[in-house]
Amino acid sequence: MFGRRGTAVVLGSLALVVSTFVAAPAGTAGTGADDGSVTCTGDATSRYDPPLTLQPRRTRNIAEVRYSCTTGPGRTVRATSTFVSTAPSASCLSYSPANGTETVRWADGARSVIRIDSATVVRVAGYLISEQSGRVVEGRGRGHAVRRSVTASSRQLPTDCLGSGLKGTTSGVQLEILP
């Protein structure tokens, strides 16, 4: 469809977009100190309710995320989270930005509740890329600004949009709690 040169351009563009989401190791927000920062990277499995079809409609997205978080040079902690958002209009062809809430559960039993209130969504070479921002509203890191980047791909064939719909995605996620 694209040819070799077109494929190289698309893959190069995707690599450039994804590389802009990579950040340097951060401080101590995930370890109990509320004045530092933390960078988490992980994988998410999400599901759409109802599944995405060609018809735009209000859709809920529920994602379960597993993170490895850098809290300082050579220091990492594990965390899991649940992210829930509702898009006012979503389909296989378009996805409107959605506000959402992520509840991070740190390995030491603490938690952080994050409110996402701004998002930019683009499609690049079959991937849905979302750059989100918000704030920690409760728990560890309360009051700190947050950046969240998601690169999602469907676990199904695009032709499923014509029938039962796309039920979910797998994603790479980066979460930054800023100082």
C-alpha atoms as a PDB file:
ATOM      1  CA  MET A   1       0.000   0.000   0.000  1.00  0.00           C
ATOM      2  CA  PHE A   2       2.744   2.502   0.979  1.00  0.00           C
ATOM      3  CA  GLY A   3       5.767   0.950  -0.684  1.00  0.00           C
ATOM      4  CA  ARG A   4       9.135   0.711   1.045  1.00  0.00           C
ATOM      5  CA  ARG A   5       9.738   4.445   1.243  1.00  0.00           C
ATOM      6  CA  GLY A   6       6.221   5.185   2.532  1.00  0.00           C
ATOM      7  CA  THR A   7       6.470   2.438   5.146  1.00  0.00           C
ATOM      8  CA  ALA A   8       9.826   3.818   6.295  1.00  0.00           C
ATOM      9  CA  VAL A   9       8.346   7.316   6.579  1.00  0.00           C
ATOM     10  CA  VAL A  10       5.350   6.082   8.600  1.00  0.00           C
ATOM     11  CA  LEU A  11       7.507   3.959  10.942  1.00  0.00           C
ATOM     12  CA  GLY A  12      10.009   6.792  11.335  1.00  0.00           C
ATOM     13  CA  SER A  13       7.190   9.199  12.185  1.00  0.00           C
ATOM     14  CA  LEU A  14       5.738   6.754  14.714  1.00  0.00           C
ATOM     15  CA  ALA A  15       9.164   6.326  16.335  1.00  0.00           C
ATOM     16  CA  LEU A  16       9.547  10.101  16.558  1.00  0.00           C
ATOM     17  CA  VAL A  17       6.106  10.550  18.141  1.00  0.00           C
ATOM     18  CA  VAL A  18       6.688   7.765  20.675  1.00  0.00           C
ATOM     19  CA  SER A  19      10.207   8.985  21.515  1.00  0.00           C
ATOM     20  CA  THR A  20       8.832  12.385  22.524  1.00  0.00           C
ATOM     21  CA  PHE A  21       7.053  10.644  25.411  1.00  0.00           C
ATOM     22  CA  VAL A  22      10.271   9.275  26.975  1.00  0.00           C
ATOM     23  CA  ALA A  23      11.528  11.119  30.054  1.00  0.00           C
ATOM     24  CA  ALA A  24      14.579  11.037  32.279  1.00  0.00           C
ATOM     25  CA  PRO A  25      14.556   9.215  35.647  1.00  0.00           C
ATOM     26  CA  ALA A  26      12.846  11.146  38.411  1.00  0.00           C
ATOM     27  CA  GLY A  27      12.879  11.673  42.185  1.00  0.00           C
ATOM     28  CA  THR A  28      10.770  10.302  45.038  1.00  0.00           C
ATOM     29  CA  ALA A  29       7.015  10.857  44.575  1.00  0.00           C
ATOM     30  CA  GLY A  30       6.319   7.123  44.408  1.00  0.00           C
ATOM     31  CA  THR A  31       8.274   6.282  47.550  1.00  0.00           C
ATOM     32  CA  GLY A  32       6.538   8.262  50.254  1.00  0.00           C
ATOM     33  CA  ALA A  33       8.065  11.725  49.845  1.00  0.00           C
ATOM     34  CA  ASP A  34       5.476  14.079  48.438  1.00  0.00           C
ATOM     35  CA  ASP A  35       7.918  16.681  47.069  1.00  0.00           C
ATOM     36  CA  GLY A  36       9.667  14.759  44.254  1.00  0.00           C
ATOM     37  CA  SER A  37       8.698  13.212  40.976  1.00  0.00           C
ATOM     38  CA  VAL A  38       8.368   9.717  39.584  1.00  0.00           C
ATOM     39  CA  THR A  39       8.292   8.186  36.106  1.00  0.00           C
ATOM     40  CA  CYS A  40       6.393   4.941  35.562  1.00  0.00           C
ATOM     41  CA  THR A  41       6.325   2.842  32.402  1.00  0.00           C
ATOM     42  CA  GLY A  42       4.097  -0.124  31.868  1.00  0.00           C
ATOM     43  CA  ASP A  43       1.571  -2.093  29.910  1.00  0.00           C
ATOM     44  CA  ALA A  44      -2.194  -1.814  29.942  1.00  0.00           C
ATOM     45  CA  THR A  45      -5.063  -3.994  28.842  1.00  0.00           C
ATOM     46  CA  SER A  46      -8.280  -2.084  28.308  1.00  0.00           C
ATOM     47  CA  ARG A  47     -11.832  -2.849  27.316  1.00  0.00           C
ATOM     48  CA  TYR A  48     -14.480  -0.677  25.684  1.00  0.00           C
ATOM     49  CA  ASP A  49     -18.061  -0.666  26.911  1.00  0.00           C
ATOM     50  CA  PRO A  50     -19.833  -0.826  24.518  1.00  0.00           C
ATOM     51  CA  PRO A  51     -17.348  -2.141  21.914  1.00  0.00           C
ATOM     52  CA  LEU A  52     -16.272   0.320  19.213  1.00  0.00           C
ATOM     53  CA  THR A  53     -18.132   0.067  15.906  1.00  0.00           C
ATOM     54  CA  LEU A  54     -18.460   2.401  12.918  1.00  0.00           C
ATOM     55  CA  GLN A  55     -21.259   4.293  14.708  1.00  0.00           C
ATOM     56  CA  PRO A  56     -19.936   6.987  17.124  1.00  0.00           C
ATOM     57  CA  ARG A  57     -21.399   6.703  20.634  1.00  0.00           C
ATOM     58  CA  ARG A  58     -20.623   7.354  24.269  1.00  0.00           C
ATOM     59  CA  THR A  59     -18.060   4.737  25.318  1.00  0.00           C
ATOM     60  CA  ARG A  60     -16.456   3.809  28.615  1.00  0.00           C
ATOM     61  CA  ASN A  61     -12.820   2.656  28.664  1.00  0.00           C
ATOM     62  CA  ILE A  62     -11.530   0.614  31.612  1.00  0.00           C
ATOM     63  CA  ALA A  63      -7.802  -0.195  31.688  1.00  0.00           C
ATOM     64  CA  GLU A  64      -5.724  -2.290  34.070  1.00  0.00           C
ATOM     65  CA  VAL A  65      -2.069  -1.152  34.133  1.00  0.00           C
ATOM     66  CA  ARG A  66       1.122  -2.735  35.503  1.00  0.00           C
ATOM     67  CA  TYR A  67       3.946  -0.222  36.113  1.00  0.00           C
ATOM     68  CA  SER A  68       7.627  -0.212  36.924  1.00  0.00           C
ATOM     69  CA  CYS A  69       8.417   3.196  38.435  1.00  0.00           C
ATOM     70  CA  THR A  70      11.753   4.981  38.644  1.00  0.00           C
ATOM     71  CA  THR A  71      11.979   6.920  41.893  1.00  0.00           C
ATOM     72  CA  GLY A  72      15.653   7.852  41.713  1.00  0.00           C
ATOM     73  CA  PRO A  73      18.921   6.642  40.206  1.00  0.00           C
ATOM     74  CA  GLY A  74      18.859   2.860  40.416  1.00  0.00           C
ATOM     75  CA  ARG A  75      15.631   2.769  42.448  1.00  0.00           C
ATOM     76  CA  THR A  76      12.432   1.260  41.093  1.00  0.00           C
ATOM     77  CA  VAL A  77       9.122   0.287  42.632  1.00  0.00           C
ATOM     78  CA  ARG A  78       6.200  -1.671  41.243  1.00  0.00           C
ATOM     79  CA  ALA A  79       2.688  -0.299  41.012  1.00  0.00           C
ATOM     80  CA  THR A  80      -0.634  -1.273  39.474  1.00  0.00           C
ATOM     81  CA  SER A  81      -3.539   0.924  38.514  1.00  0.00           C
ATOM     82  CA  THR A  82      -7.038   1.090  37.167  1.00  0.00           C
ATOM     83  CA  PHE A  83      -7.851   3.851  34.688  1.00  0.00           C
ATOM     84  CA  VAL A  84     -11.503   4.649  33.897  1.00  0.00           C
ATOM     85  CA  SER A  85     -12.663   7.213  31.343  1.00  0.00           C
ATOM     86  CA  THR A  86     -15.738   7.986  29.267  1.00  0.00           C
ATOM     87  CA  ALA A  87     -15.453   9.368  25.738  1.00  0.00           C
ATOM     88  CA  PRO A  88     -18.501  11.373  24.644  1.00  0.00           C
ATOM     89  CA  SER A  89     -18.160  10.045  21.093  1.00  0.00           C
ATOM     90  CA  ALA A  90     -16.020   7.074  20.086  1.00  0.00           C
ATOM     91  CA  SER A  91     -15.965   4.768  17.082  1.00  0.00           C
ATOM     92  CA  CYS A  92     -13.460   2.701  15.104  1.00  0.00           C
ATOM     93  CA  LEU A  93     -12.859   5.786  12.953  1.00  0.00           C
ATOM     94  CA  SER A  94     -12.662   8.504  15.610  1.00  0.00           C
ATOM     95  CA  TYR A  95     -12.093   8.853  19.317  1.00  0.00           C
ATOM     96  CA  SER A  96     -12.842  12.049  21.159  1.00  0.00           C
ATOM     97  CA  PRO A  97     -10.540  12.886  24.073  1.00  0.00           C
ATOM     98  CA  ALA A  98     -11.875  11.661  27.388  1.00  0.00           C
ATOM     99  CA  ASN A  99     -11.390  12.813  30.938  1.00  0.00           C
ATOM    100  CA  GLY A 100     -10.711  10.045  33.398  1.00  0.00           C
ATOM    101  CA  THR A 101      -9.498   8.868  36.771  1.00  0.00           C
ATOM    102  CA  GLU A 102      -6.527   6.624  37.467  1.00  0.00           C
ATOM    103  CA  THR A 103      -6.067   4.977  40.849  1.00  0.00           C
ATOM    104  CA  VAL A 104      -2.438   3.907  41.360  1.00  0.00           C
ATOM    105  CA  ARG A 105      -1.713   1.289  44.023  1.00  0.00           C
ATOM    106  CA  TRP A 106       1.952   1.416  45.100  1.00  0.00           C
ATOM    107  CA  ALA A 107       3.825  -1.714  46.221  1.00  0.00           C
ATOM    108  CA  ASP A 108       3.987  -0.415  49.826  1.00  0.00           C
ATOM    109  CA  GLY A 109       0.177  -0.209  50.056  1.00  0.00           C
ATOM    110  CA  ALA A 110      -0.152   3.553  49.477  1.00  0.00           C
ATOM    111  CA  ARG A 111      -2.263   4.896  46.634  1.00  0.00           C
ATOM    112  CA  SER A 112      -2.608   7.960  44.422  1.00  0.00           C
ATOM    113  CA  VAL A 113      -5.825   9.088  42.730  1.00  0.00           C
ATOM    114  CA  ILE A 114      -5.151  10.995  39.518  1.00  0.00           C
ATOM    115  CA  ARG A 115      -7.709  13.098  37.653  1.00  0.00           C
ATOM    116  CA  ILE A 116      -7.017  13.459  33.918  1.00  0.00           C
ATOM    117  CA  ASP A 117      -8.649  16.654  32.672  1.00  0.00           C
ATOM    118  CA  SER A 118      -6.968  17.236  29.307  1.00  0.00           C
ATOM    119  CA  ALA A 119      -6.066  14.924  26.423  1.00  0.00           C
ATOM    120  CA  THR A 120      -4.905  15.066  22.826  1.00  0.00           C
ATOM    121  CA  VAL A 121      -5.563  11.980  20.706  1.00  0.00           C
ATOM    122  CA  VAL A 122      -4.051  11.179  17.279  1.00  0.00           C
ATOM    123  CA  ARG A 123      -3.976   8.100  15.077  1.00  0.00           C
ATOM    124  CA  VAL A 124      -0.633   7.161  13.509  1.00  0.00           C
ATOM    125  CA  ALA A 125      -0.118   4.021  11.399  1.00  0.00           C
ATOM    126  CA  GLY A 126      -2.862   2.035  13.143  1.00  0.00           C
ATOM    127  CA  TYR A 127      -1.942   3.206  16.658  1.00  0.00           C
ATOM    128  CA  LEU A 128      -4.032   5.458  18.887  1.00  0.00           C
ATOM    129  CA  ILE A 129      -1.675   7.866  20.675  1.00  0.00           C
ATOM    130  CA  SER A 130      -2.962   9.933  23.577  1.00  0.00           C
ATOM    131  CA  GLU A 131      -1.073  12.625  25.491  1.00  0.00           C
ATOM    132  CA  GLN A 132      -2.916  13.398  28.738  1.00  0.00           C
ATOM    133  CA  SER A 133      -2.437  15.770  31.653  1.00  0.00           C
ATOM    134  CA  GLY A 134      -3.988  16.195  35.051  1.00  0.00           C
ATOM    135  CA  ARG A 135      -3.255  16.269  38.753  1.00  0.00           C
ATOM    136  CA  VAL A 136      -2.966  13.941  41.747  1.00  0.00           C
ATOM    137  CA  VAL A 137      -6.129  14.747  43.719  1.00  0.00           C
ATOM    138  CA  GLU A 138      -5.801  12.279  46.594  1.00  0.00           C
ATOM    139  CA  GLY A 139      -3.120  10.219  48.341  1.00  0.00           C
ATOM    140  CA  ARG A 140       0.610  10.078  47.657  1.00  0.00           C
ATOM    141  CA  GLY A 141       1.745  13.025  45.542  1.00  0.00           C
ATOM    142  CA  ARG A 142      -1.436  15.030  46.154  1.00  0.00           C
ATOM    143  CA  GLY A 143      -1.363  18.356  44.314  1.00  0.00           C
ATOM    144  CA  HIS A 144       1.358  17.322  41.858  1.00  0.00           C
ATOM    145  CA  ALA A 145       0.843  17.740  38.109  1.00  0.00           C
ATOM    146  CA  VAL A 146       0.713  14.583  35.980  1.00  0.00           C
ATOM    147  CA  ARG A 147       1.550  13.725  32.374  1.00  0.00           C
ATOM    148  CA  ARG A 148       0.323  10.438  30.941  1.00  0.00           C
ATOM    149  CA  SER A 149       1.172   9.062  27.486  1.00  0.00           C
ATOM    150  CA  VAL A 150      -0.580   6.061  25.957  1.00  0.00           C
ATOM    151  CA  THR A 151       0.216   4.232  22.702  1.00  0.00           C
ATOM    152  CA  ALA A 152      -2.573   1.734  22.025  1.00  0.00           C
ATOM    153  CA  SER A 153      -3.186  -0.922  19.405  1.00  0.00           C
ATOM    154  CA  SER A 154      -6.214  -3.139  18.972  1.00  0.00           C
ATOM    155  CA  ARG A 155      -6.127  -6.827  19.831  1.00  0.00           C
ATOM    156  CA  GLN A 156      -8.601  -7.458  17.003  1.00  0.00           C
ATOM    157  CA  LEU A 157      -8.813  -7.117  13.246  1.00  0.00           C
ATOM    158  CA  PRO A 158     -10.155  -3.819  11.843  1.00  0.00           C
ATOM    159  CA  THR A 159     -12.940  -5.790  10.134  1.00  0.00           C
ATOM    160  CA  ASP A 160     -14.407  -6.497  13.589  1.00  0.00           C
ATOM    161  CA  CYS A 161     -15.715  -2.901  13.461  1.00  0.00           C
ATOM    162  CA  LEU A 162     -18.332  -4.148  10.996  1.00  0.00           C
ATOM    163  CA  GLY A 163     -19.651  -6.844  13.304  1.00  0.00           C
ATOM    164  CA  SER A 164     -19.307  -7.251  17.048  1.00  0.00           C
ATOM    165  CA  GLY A 165     -17.003  -4.212  17.413  1.00  0.00           C
ATOM    166  CA  LEU A 166     -13.547  -3.674  18.889  1.00  0.00           C
ATOM    167  CA  LYS A 167     -13.659  -4.813  22.479  1.00  0.00           C
ATOM    168  CA  GLY A 168     -10.355  -3.360  23.703  1.00  0.00           C
ATOM    169  CA  THR A 169      -6.699  -2.518  23.250  1.00  0.00           C
ATOM    170  CA  THR A 170      -3.259  -3.262  24.575  1.00  0.00           C
ATOM    171  CA  SER A 171      -1.119  -0.231  25.325  1.00  0.00           C
ATOM    172  CA  GLY A 172       2.241   1.038  26.367  1.00  0.00           C
ATOM    173  CA  VAL A 173       1.764   3.652  29.104  1.00  0.00           C
ATOM    174  CA  GLN A 174       4.078   6.233  30.629  1.00  0.00           C
ATOM    175  CA  LEU A 175       2.971   8.092  33.741  1.00  0.00           C
ATOM    176  CA  GLU A 176       4.922  11.039  35.135  1.00  0.00           C
ATOM    177  CA  ILE A 177       4.125  12.622  38.489  1.00  0.00           C
ATOM    178  CA  LEU A 178       5.973  15.923  38.317  1.00  0.00           C
ATOM    179  CA  PRO A 179       7.695  17.784  41.183  1.00  0.00           C
END
